[in-house]
Amino acid sequence: MLKYSGFACLAALSVAACQAPPAPVATAPAAPAPVAQAAPAVIESGTASYYGKAHNGRRTASGERFDMEAMTAAHPWLPFGTKVRVTIQGTTRSVVVTITDRLPSRRRIIDLSQGAARELGILRQGVAEVTLTKA
């Protein structure tokens, strides 16, 4: 009897070894984890003004010709070509400008082109409290 039960176990093992491996179970791809967006790093906050017609066509400190309708600005120390987002404080209204000129004022942090000031809606008052962040 042991002879047959050993043979039966051997037969069962050989049948089990010949079977195909179980089919992989299809799973839906995991949804990507939401990426927390960090608040943009504030470069500076303060008063912005604009300049336009009197400077239109004149060379800026970077050597470019000033176009009062372009999205450009003057800043005391940011490198030429730097793009910054200018946001009116307390609102979501913002514009991205490129630094092309220098600003000698210590009362203001940025002078916007007339086109950028128009986009922000500050032409009438002439100045606004703004925050500069990396664009």
N, C-alpha and C. Protein backbone atom coordinates (compact mmCIF):
# COMPACT_ATOMS: atom_id res chain seq x y z
N MET A 1 0.82 -1.17 0.00
CA MET A 1 0.00 0.00 0.00
C MET A 1 0.87 1.24 0.00
N LEU A 2 1.95 1.26 0.73
CA LEU A 2 2.86 2.38 0.72
C LEU A 2 3.44 2.58 -0.67
N LYS A 3 3.62 1.49 -1.34
CA LYS A 3 4.15 1.57 -2.68
C LYS A 3 3.25 2.40 -3.57
N TYR A 4 1.97 2.13 -3.47
CA TYR A 4 1.03 2.84 -4.32
C TYR A 4 0.81 4.28 -3.86
N SER A 5 0.81 4.53 -2.57
CA SER A 5 0.58 5.90 -2.10
C SER A 5 1.77 6.79 -2.48
N GLY A 6 3.00 6.24 -2.48
CA GLY A 6 4.17 7.01 -2.92
C GLY A 6 4.08 7.31 -4.40
N PHE A 7 3.61 6.30 -5.14
CA PHE A 7 3.44 6.49 -6.57
C PHE A 7 2.35 7.52 -6.86
N ALA A 8 1.31 7.52 -6.08
CA ALA A 8 0.22 8.48 -6.25
C ALA A 8 0.71 9.90 -5.97
N CYS A 9 1.55 10.07 -4.95
CA CYS A 9 2.10 11.40 -4.65
C CYS A 9 3.00 11.88 -5.77
N LEU A 10 3.82 10.94 -6.29
CA LEU A 10 4.71 11.29 -7.38
C LEU A 10 3.92 11.70 -8.61
N ALA A 11 2.86 11.00 -8.91
CA ALA A 11 2.01 11.31 -10.05
C ALA A 11 1.35 12.66 -9.86
N ALA A 12 0.89 12.94 -8.68
CA ALA A 12 0.23 14.22 -8.40
C ALA A 12 1.22 15.37 -8.56
N LEU A 13 2.46 15.19 -8.10
CA LEU A 13 3.48 16.22 -8.24
C LEU A 13 3.84 16.46 -9.70
N SER A 14 3.95 15.40 -10.47
CA SER A 14 4.31 15.57 -11.88
C SER A 14 3.19 16.25 -12.65
N VAL A 15 1.95 15.97 -12.31
CA VAL A 15 0.81 16.64 -12.97
C VAL A 15 0.82 18.11 -12.60
N ALA A 16 1.09 18.42 -11.34
CA ALA A 16 1.11 19.81 -10.89
C ALA A 16 2.24 20.59 -11.55
N ALA A 17 3.36 19.91 -11.78
CA ALA A 17 4.51 20.58 -12.40
C ALA A 17 4.26 20.88 -13.87
N CYS A 18 3.39 20.12 -14.51
CA CYS A 18 3.11 20.32 -15.93
C CYS A 18 2.08 21.40 -16.18
N GLN A 19 1.41 21.82 -15.16
CA GLN A 19 0.38 22.83 -15.36
C GLN A 19 1.02 24.18 -15.66
N ALA A 20 0.30 24.99 -16.43
CA ALA A 20 0.78 26.34 -16.77
C ALA A 20 0.75 27.22 -15.52
N PRO A 21 1.67 28.17 -15.44
CA PRO A 21 1.65 29.05 -14.28
C PRO A 21 0.37 29.88 -14.28
N PRO A 22 -0.06 30.33 -13.14
CA PRO A 22 -1.30 31.11 -13.10
C PRO A 22 -1.14 32.39 -13.90
N ALA A 23 -2.22 32.78 -14.57
CA ALA A 23 -2.20 34.00 -15.39
C ALA A 23 -2.07 35.21 -14.47
N PRO A 24 -1.26 36.21 -14.90
CA PRO A 24 -1.12 37.41 -14.06
C PRO A 24 -2.45 38.15 -13.99
N VAL A 25 -2.74 38.71 -12.87
CA VAL A 25 -3.98 39.45 -12.67
C VAL A 25 -3.74 40.88 -13.15
N ALA A 26 -4.59 41.34 -14.03
CA ALA A 26 -4.46 42.71 -14.55
C ALA A 26 -4.93 43.68 -13.49
N THR A 27 -4.11 44.69 -13.22
CA THR A 27 -4.50 45.72 -12.25
C THR A 27 -4.47 47.06 -12.95
N ALA A 28 -5.34 47.90 -12.55
CA ALA A 28 -5.37 49.26 -13.12
C ALA A 28 -4.16 50.01 -12.61
N PRO A 29 -3.57 50.85 -13.47
CA PRO A 29 -2.42 51.63 -12.99
C PRO A 29 -2.84 52.55 -11.85
N ALA A 30 -1.97 52.68 -10.91
CA ALA A 30 -2.26 53.52 -9.75
C ALA A 30 -2.32 54.98 -10.19
N ALA A 31 -3.25 55.70 -9.65
CA ALA A 31 -3.35 57.12 -9.97
C ALA A 31 -2.14 57.82 -9.39
N PRO A 32 -1.57 58.76 -10.14
CA PRO A 32 -0.40 59.47 -9.61
C PRO A 32 -0.78 60.28 -8.38
N ALA A 33 0.13 60.31 -7.45
CA ALA A 33 -0.11 61.07 -6.23
C ALA A 33 -0.14 62.55 -6.58
N PRO A 34 -1.06 63.30 -6.01
CA PRO A 34 -1.10 64.72 -6.31
C PRO A 34 0.19 65.40 -5.87
N VAL A 35 0.71 66.25 -6.74
CA VAL A 35 1.94 66.96 -6.45
C VAL A 35 1.58 68.27 -5.78
N ALA A 36 2.11 68.47 -4.61
CA ALA A 36 1.85 69.72 -3.91
C ALA A 36 2.68 70.81 -4.57
N GLN A 37 2.01 71.84 -5.01
CA GLN A 37 2.73 72.94 -5.64
C GLN A 37 3.15 73.92 -4.56
N ALA A 38 4.43 74.12 -4.49
CA ALA A 38 4.96 75.06 -3.53
C ALA A 38 4.67 76.48 -4.02
N ALA A 39 4.44 77.35 -3.11
CA ALA A 39 4.23 78.75 -3.48
C ALA A 39 5.51 79.27 -4.10
N PRO A 40 5.39 80.06 -5.18
CA PRO A 40 6.60 80.59 -5.80
C PRO A 40 7.38 81.46 -4.82
N ALA A 41 8.68 81.38 -4.93
CA ALA A 41 9.54 82.15 -4.05
C ALA A 41 9.41 83.64 -4.35
N VAL A 42 9.11 84.40 -3.33
CA VAL A 42 8.96 85.85 -3.49
C VAL A 42 10.34 86.46 -3.61
N ILE A 43 10.52 87.25 -4.65
CA ILE A 43 11.79 87.95 -4.85
C ILE A 43 11.78 89.24 -4.04
N GLU A 44 10.64 89.95 -4.13
CA GLU A 44 10.57 91.27 -3.50
C GLU A 44 9.11 91.73 -3.49
N SER A 45 8.77 92.59 -2.56
CA SER A 45 7.45 93.22 -2.52
C SER A 45 7.64 94.70 -2.31
N GLY A 46 6.76 95.50 -2.92
CA GLY A 46 6.86 96.95 -2.78
C GLY A 46 6.03 97.66 -3.83
N THR A 47 6.42 98.88 -4.13
CA THR A 47 5.67 99.73 -5.04
C THR A 47 6.18 99.61 -6.47
N ALA A 48 5.23 99.48 -7.40
CA ALA A 48 5.54 99.46 -8.83
C ALA A 48 4.95 100.70 -9.46
N SER A 49 5.62 101.18 -10.50
CA SER A 49 5.09 102.27 -11.31
C SER A 49 5.30 101.87 -12.77
N TYR A 50 5.02 102.78 -13.68
CA TYR A 50 5.27 102.46 -15.09
C TYR A 50 5.86 103.66 -15.81
N TYR A 51 6.48 103.36 -16.93
CA TYR A 51 7.01 104.42 -17.79
C TYR A 51 6.68 104.07 -19.23
N GLY A 52 6.56 105.11 -20.06
CA GLY A 52 6.08 104.85 -21.41
C GLY A 52 6.56 105.82 -22.45
N LYS A 53 5.67 106.68 -22.89
CA LYS A 53 5.86 107.51 -24.09
C LYS A 53 7.18 108.29 -24.12
N ALA A 54 7.55 108.90 -23.03
CA ALA A 54 8.77 109.73 -23.01
C ALA A 54 10.03 108.89 -23.29
N HIS A 55 9.98 107.60 -23.01
CA HIS A 55 11.15 106.73 -23.20
C HIS A 55 11.04 105.83 -24.42
N ASN A 56 9.89 105.84 -25.07
CA ASN A 56 9.66 104.93 -26.20
C ASN A 56 10.71 105.13 -27.30
N GLY A 57 11.32 104.05 -27.73
CA GLY A 57 12.33 104.08 -28.79
C GLY A 57 13.74 104.35 -28.30
N ARG A 58 13.90 104.81 -27.08
CA ARG A 58 15.25 105.07 -26.55
C ARG A 58 15.89 103.76 -26.12
N ARG A 59 17.20 103.73 -26.05
CA ARG A 59 17.92 102.53 -25.63
C ARG A 59 17.79 102.34 -24.12
N THR A 60 17.61 101.09 -23.73
CA THR A 60 17.56 100.75 -22.31
C THR A 60 18.98 100.43 -21.85
N ALA A 61 19.14 100.18 -20.58
CA ALA A 61 20.45 99.84 -20.03
C ALA A 61 20.99 98.54 -20.62
N SER A 62 20.10 97.67 -21.09
CA SER A 62 20.55 96.41 -21.69
C SER A 62 20.95 96.59 -23.15
N GLY A 63 20.71 97.78 -23.72
CA GLY A 63 21.06 98.04 -25.11
C GLY A 63 19.89 97.89 -26.07
N GLU A 64 18.78 97.31 -25.61
CA GLU A 64 17.60 97.16 -26.46
C GLU A 64 16.87 98.49 -26.57
N ARG A 65 16.10 98.63 -27.62
CA ARG A 65 15.22 99.80 -27.75
C ARG A 65 13.97 99.55 -26.92
N PHE A 66 13.58 100.56 -26.16
CA PHE A 66 12.40 100.44 -25.32
C PHE A 66 11.15 100.51 -26.17
N ASP A 67 10.28 99.53 -25.98
CA ASP A 67 8.97 99.49 -26.64
C ASP A 67 7.94 99.57 -25.52
N MET A 68 7.23 100.68 -25.45
CA MET A 68 6.32 100.89 -24.33
C MET A 68 5.16 99.90 -24.28
N GLU A 69 4.92 99.16 -25.38
CA GLU A 69 3.84 98.17 -25.39
C GLU A 69 4.34 96.75 -25.11
N ALA A 70 5.63 96.56 -25.05
CA ALA A 70 6.19 95.23 -24.77
C ALA A 70 6.05 94.91 -23.28
N MET A 71 6.14 93.64 -22.95
CA MET A 71 6.06 93.20 -21.55
C MET A 71 7.46 93.23 -20.94
N THR A 72 7.94 94.44 -20.65
CA THR A 72 9.28 94.63 -20.10
C THR A 72 9.21 95.48 -18.84
N ALA A 73 10.34 95.57 -18.14
CA ALA A 73 10.39 96.35 -16.90
C ALA A 73 11.82 96.74 -16.58
N ALA A 74 11.94 97.72 -15.68
CA ALA A 74 13.23 98.14 -15.14
C ALA A 74 13.29 97.72 -13.68
N HIS A 75 14.44 97.19 -13.26
CA HIS A 75 14.63 96.75 -11.88
C HIS A 75 16.04 97.12 -11.45
N PRO A 76 16.27 97.44 -10.17
CA PRO A 76 17.59 97.89 -9.73
C PRO A 76 18.70 96.85 -9.85
N TRP A 77 18.42 95.56 -9.61
CA TRP A 77 19.53 94.59 -9.55
C TRP A 77 19.29 93.26 -10.24
N LEU A 78 18.09 92.91 -10.65
CA LEU A 78 17.89 91.64 -11.34
C LEU A 78 18.62 91.63 -12.68
N PRO A 79 19.22 90.53 -13.07
CA PRO A 79 19.96 90.47 -14.35
C PRO A 79 19.04 90.71 -15.55
N PHE A 80 19.59 91.35 -16.58
CA PHE A 80 18.84 91.57 -17.81
C PHE A 80 18.40 90.22 -18.37
N GLY A 81 17.19 90.17 -18.90
CA GLY A 81 16.65 88.94 -19.46
C GLY A 81 15.89 88.10 -18.45
N THR A 82 15.96 88.45 -17.17
CA THR A 82 15.22 87.71 -16.15
C THR A 82 13.73 87.93 -16.34
N LYS A 83 12.97 86.86 -16.26
CA LYS A 83 11.51 86.96 -16.35
C LYS A 83 10.95 86.87 -14.94
N VAL A 84 10.11 87.84 -14.59
CA VAL A 84 9.47 87.85 -13.28
C VAL A 84 7.97 88.01 -13.44
N ARG A 85 7.25 87.41 -12.50
CA ARG A 85 5.80 87.59 -12.46
C ARG A 85 5.53 88.72 -11.48
N VAL A 86 4.80 89.72 -11.94
CA VAL A 86 4.43 90.86 -11.11
C VAL A 86 2.95 90.69 -10.79
N THR A 87 2.63 90.56 -9.49
CA THR A 87 1.25 90.35 -9.05
C THR A 87 0.83 91.49 -8.14
N ILE A 88 -0.33 92.08 -8.42
CA ILE A 88 -0.85 93.12 -7.55
C ILE A 88 -1.24 92.46 -6.23
N GLN A 89 -0.75 93.01 -5.14
CA GLN A 89 -1.00 92.42 -3.82
C GLN A 89 -2.50 92.41 -3.52
N GLY A 90 -2.94 91.30 -2.94
CA GLY A 90 -4.34 91.16 -2.58
C GLY A 90 -5.23 90.72 -3.73
N THR A 91 -4.64 90.47 -4.90
CA THR A 91 -5.42 90.02 -6.06
C THR A 91 -4.69 88.86 -6.72
N THR A 92 -5.28 88.33 -7.77
CA THR A 92 -4.61 87.30 -8.57
C THR A 92 -4.17 87.90 -9.90
N ARG A 93 -4.32 89.18 -10.07
CA ARG A 93 -3.97 89.85 -11.32
C ARG A 93 -2.45 89.94 -11.43
N SER A 94 -1.91 89.35 -12.52
CA SER A 94 -0.45 89.34 -12.67
C SER A 94 -0.07 89.38 -14.14
N VAL A 95 1.20 89.68 -14.37
CA VAL A 95 1.77 89.72 -15.71
C VAL A 95 3.23 89.29 -15.60
N VAL A 96 3.73 88.63 -16.64
CA VAL A 96 5.15 88.24 -16.68
C VAL A 96 5.88 89.25 -17.55
N VAL A 97 6.96 89.81 -17.00
CA VAL A 97 7.76 90.80 -17.72
C VAL A 97 9.22 90.35 -17.77
N THR A 98 9.95 90.91 -18.72
CA THR A 98 11.38 90.65 -18.86
C THR A 98 12.13 91.91 -18.44
N ILE A 99 13.15 91.75 -17.61
CA ILE A 99 13.94 92.90 -17.14
C ILE A 99 14.88 93.32 -18.27
N THR A 100 14.74 94.58 -18.71
CA THR A 100 15.57 95.11 -19.79
C THR A 100 16.25 96.44 -19.43
N ASP A 101 15.94 96.98 -18.25
CA ASP A 101 16.45 98.30 -17.90
C ASP A 101 16.74 98.37 -16.40
N ARG A 102 17.41 99.43 -15.99
CA ARG A 102 17.73 99.65 -14.59
C ARG A 102 16.81 100.72 -14.01
N LEU A 103 16.57 100.62 -12.72
CA LEU A 103 15.69 101.54 -12.00
C LEU A 103 16.49 102.21 -10.90
N PRO A 104 16.68 103.51 -10.98
CA PRO A 104 17.49 104.19 -9.97
C PRO A 104 16.72 104.54 -8.69
N SER A 105 15.41 104.38 -8.67
CA SER A 105 14.61 104.80 -7.53
C SER A 105 14.78 103.88 -6.33
N ARG A 106 14.75 104.45 -5.17
CA ARG A 106 14.78 103.64 -3.94
C ARG A 106 13.37 103.52 -3.36
N ARG A 107 12.43 104.28 -3.92
CA ARG A 107 11.05 104.22 -3.43
C ARG A 107 10.25 103.13 -4.12
N ARG A 108 10.64 102.75 -5.34
CA ARG A 108 9.91 101.74 -6.10
C ARG A 108 10.81 100.53 -6.32
N ILE A 109 10.19 99.36 -6.47
CA ILE A 109 10.98 98.16 -6.72
C ILE A 109 11.03 97.80 -8.20
N ILE A 110 10.07 98.30 -9.00
CA ILE A 110 10.04 97.97 -10.42
C ILE A 110 9.27 99.05 -11.18
N ASP A 111 9.74 99.36 -12.36
CA ASP A 111 9.04 100.22 -13.31
C ASP A 111 8.61 99.35 -14.47
N LEU A 112 7.31 99.28 -14.71
CA LEU A 112 6.77 98.46 -15.78
C LEU A 112 6.63 99.26 -17.06
N SER A 113 6.66 98.58 -18.19
CA SER A 113 6.32 99.25 -19.44
C SER A 113 4.84 99.60 -19.39
N GLN A 114 4.43 100.52 -20.25
CA GLN A 114 3.03 100.92 -20.27
C GLN A 114 2.12 99.74 -20.63
N GLY A 115 2.58 98.87 -21.52
CA GLY A 115 1.79 97.69 -21.90
C GLY A 115 1.57 96.76 -20.71
N ALA A 116 2.59 96.55 -19.90
CA ALA A 116 2.46 95.69 -18.72
C ALA A 116 1.55 96.34 -17.69
N ALA A 117 1.69 97.66 -17.52
CA ALA A 117 0.83 98.38 -16.58
C ALA A 117 -0.63 98.31 -17.02
N ARG A 118 -0.86 98.38 -18.31
CA ARG A 118 -2.23 98.27 -18.84
C ARG A 118 -2.80 96.89 -18.52
N GLU A 119 -2.00 95.83 -18.72
CA GLU A 119 -2.46 94.47 -18.42
C GLU A 119 -2.83 94.33 -16.93
N LEU A 120 -2.09 94.99 -16.07
CA LEU A 120 -2.37 94.93 -14.64
C LEU A 120 -3.49 95.86 -14.21
N GLY A 121 -3.85 96.80 -15.08
CA GLY A 121 -4.92 97.74 -14.76
C GLY A 121 -4.50 98.85 -13.83
N ILE A 122 -3.24 99.31 -13.93
CA ILE A 122 -2.77 100.36 -13.03
C ILE A 122 -2.45 101.67 -13.76
N LEU A 123 -2.90 101.82 -14.99
CA LEU A 123 -2.59 103.05 -15.73
C LEU A 123 -3.19 104.29 -15.05
N ARG A 124 -4.40 104.20 -14.57
CA ARG A 124 -5.07 105.36 -13.98
C ARG A 124 -4.37 105.82 -12.70
N GLN A 125 -4.10 104.90 -11.77
CA GLN A 125 -3.48 105.30 -10.51
C GLN A 125 -1.98 105.50 -10.64
N GLY A 126 -1.35 104.85 -11.61
CA GLY A 126 0.07 105.06 -11.86
C GLY A 126 1.02 104.21 -11.03
N VAL A 127 0.58 103.79 -9.87
CA VAL A 127 1.40 102.95 -8.98
C VAL A 127 0.52 101.88 -8.36
N ALA A 128 1.18 100.82 -7.87
CA ALA A 128 0.45 99.74 -7.17
C ALA A 128 1.43 99.00 -6.29
N GLU A 129 0.91 98.41 -5.24
CA GLU A 129 1.72 97.55 -4.38
C GLU A 129 1.72 96.16 -5.02
N VAL A 130 2.93 95.64 -5.29
CA VAL A 130 3.06 94.39 -6.02
C VAL A 130 4.01 93.43 -5.31
N THR A 131 3.97 92.19 -5.76
CA THR A 131 4.91 91.17 -5.32
C THR A 131 5.57 90.60 -6.55
N LEU A 132 6.89 90.46 -6.53
CA LEU A 132 7.64 89.87 -7.64
C LEU A 132 8.00 88.44 -7.27
N THR A 133 7.72 87.52 -8.20
CA THR A 133 8.09 86.12 -8.03
C THR A 133 8.75 85.64 -9.31
N LYS A 134 9.47 84.51 -9.21
CA LYS A 134 10.09 83.91 -10.40
C LYS A 134 9.00 83.48 -11.37
N ALA A 135 9.20 83.75 -12.63
CA ALA A 135 8.21 83.35 -13.64
C ALA A 135 8.51 81.96 -14.14
